[in-house]
Amino acid sequence: MFWKKSNPEDKLRKQYEKLMKEAFDLSKTNRTASDSKYAEADEVMKQIEALKN
């Protein structure tokens, strides 16, 4: 069988989506932790944009 090798952008996009979901869930209970997750997600988005350029 052939397995599709995911590219770095796909991996980062999945990580970004996971962090955003965690941040949203935390925003209901722990605002400080939520802000931290949003900051991590922002860094991942910057990496995605850097790959595109």
C-alpha atoms as a PDB file:
ATOM      1  CA  MET A   1       0.000   0.000   0.000  1.00  0.00           C
ATOM      2  CA  PHE A   2       1.034   3.532  -0.625  1.00  0.00           C
ATOM      3  CA  TRP A   3       0.816   6.050   2.163  1.00  0.00           C
ATOM      4  CA  LYS A   4       0.504   9.702   1.438  1.00  0.00           C
ATOM      5  CA  LYS A   5       3.360  11.579   3.019  1.00  0.00           C
ATOM      6  CA  SER A   6       1.973  14.729   4.570  1.00  0.00           C
ATOM      7  CA  ASN A   7       3.778  17.943   3.873  1.00  0.00           C
ATOM      8  CA  PRO A   8       4.984  20.294   6.629  1.00  0.00           C
ATOM      9  CA  GLU A   9       2.174  22.777   5.972  1.00  0.00           C
ATOM     10  CA  ASP A  10      -0.489  20.117   6.589  1.00  0.00           C
ATOM     11  CA  LYS A  11       1.142  19.131   9.873  1.00  0.00           C
ATOM     12  CA  LEU A  12       1.318  22.750  11.019  1.00  0.00           C
ATOM     13  CA  ARG A  13      -2.284  23.408   9.972  1.00  0.00           C
ATOM     14  CA  LYS A  14      -3.485  20.429  12.033  1.00  0.00           C
ATOM     15  CA  GLN A  15      -1.445  21.645  15.003  1.00  0.00           C
ATOM     16  CA  TYR A  16      -2.921  25.140  14.565  1.00  0.00           C
ATOM     17  CA  GLU A  17      -6.490  23.815  14.503  1.00  0.00           C
ATOM     18  CA  LYS A  18      -5.834  21.694  17.605  1.00  0.00           C
ATOM     19  CA  LEU A  19      -4.402  24.671  19.517  1.00  0.00           C
ATOM     20  CA  MET A  20      -7.312  26.906  18.516  1.00  0.00           C
ATOM     21  CA  LYS A  21      -9.836  24.311  19.727  1.00  0.00           C
ATOM     22  CA  GLU A  22      -7.976  23.915  23.024  1.00  0.00           C
ATOM     23  CA  ALA A  23      -7.833  27.694  23.430  1.00  0.00           C
ATOM     24  CA  PHE A  24     -11.559  28.002  22.811  1.00  0.00           C
ATOM     25  CA  ASP A  25     -12.354  25.256  25.315  1.00  0.00           C
ATOM     26  CA  LEU A  26     -10.066  26.830  27.922  1.00  0.00           C
ATOM     27  CA  SER A  27     -11.585  30.275  27.378  1.00  0.00           C
ATOM     28  CA  LYS A  28     -14.656  29.088  29.263  1.00  0.00           C
ATOM     29  CA  THR A  29     -12.716  28.090  32.379  1.00  0.00           C
ATOM     30  CA  ASN A  30      -9.149  29.427  32.442  1.00  0.00           C
ATOM     31  CA  ARG A  31      -8.556  32.651  30.557  1.00  0.00           C
ATOM     32  CA  THR A  32      -4.797  32.750  31.211  1.00  0.00           C
ATOM     33  CA  ALA A  33      -4.253  29.269  29.779  1.00  0.00           C
ATOM     34  CA  SER A  34      -6.508  30.161  26.859  1.00  0.00           C
ATOM     35  CA  ASP A  35      -4.418  33.230  26.044  1.00  0.00           C
ATOM     36  CA  SER A  36      -1.296  31.071  26.147  1.00  0.00           C
ATOM     37  CA  LYS A  37      -2.804  28.602  23.655  1.00  0.00           C
ATOM     38  CA  TYR A  38      -3.836  31.459  21.351  1.00  0.00           C
ATOM     39  CA  ALA A  39      -0.244  32.735  21.451  1.00  0.00           C
ATOM     40  CA  GLU A  40       1.063  29.271  20.544  1.00  0.00           C
ATOM     41  CA  ALA A  41      -1.449  29.058  17.695  1.00  0.00           C
ATOM     42  CA  ASP A  42      -0.320  32.458  16.446  1.00  0.00           C
ATOM     43  CA  GLU A  43       3.297  31.257  16.326  1.00  0.00           C
ATOM     44  CA  VAL A  44       2.235  28.189  14.337  1.00  0.00           C
ATOM     45  CA  MET A  45       0.323  30.414  11.891  1.00  0.00           C
ATOM     46  CA  LYS A  46       3.466  32.509  11.408  1.00  0.00           C
ATOM     47  CA  GLN A  47       5.363  29.324  10.550  1.00  0.00           C
ATOM     48  CA  ILE A  48       2.663  28.369   8.020  1.00  0.00           C
ATOM     49  CA  GLU A  49       2.873  31.793   6.391  1.00  0.00           C
ATOM     50  CA  ALA A  50       6.665  31.551   6.262  1.00  0.00           C
ATOM     51  CA  LEU A  51       6.413  28.227   4.418  1.00  0.00           C
ATOM     52  CA  LYS A  52       4.104  29.739   1.819  1.00  0.00           C
ATOM     53  CA  ASN A  53       6.559  32.530   1.001  1.00  0.00           C
END
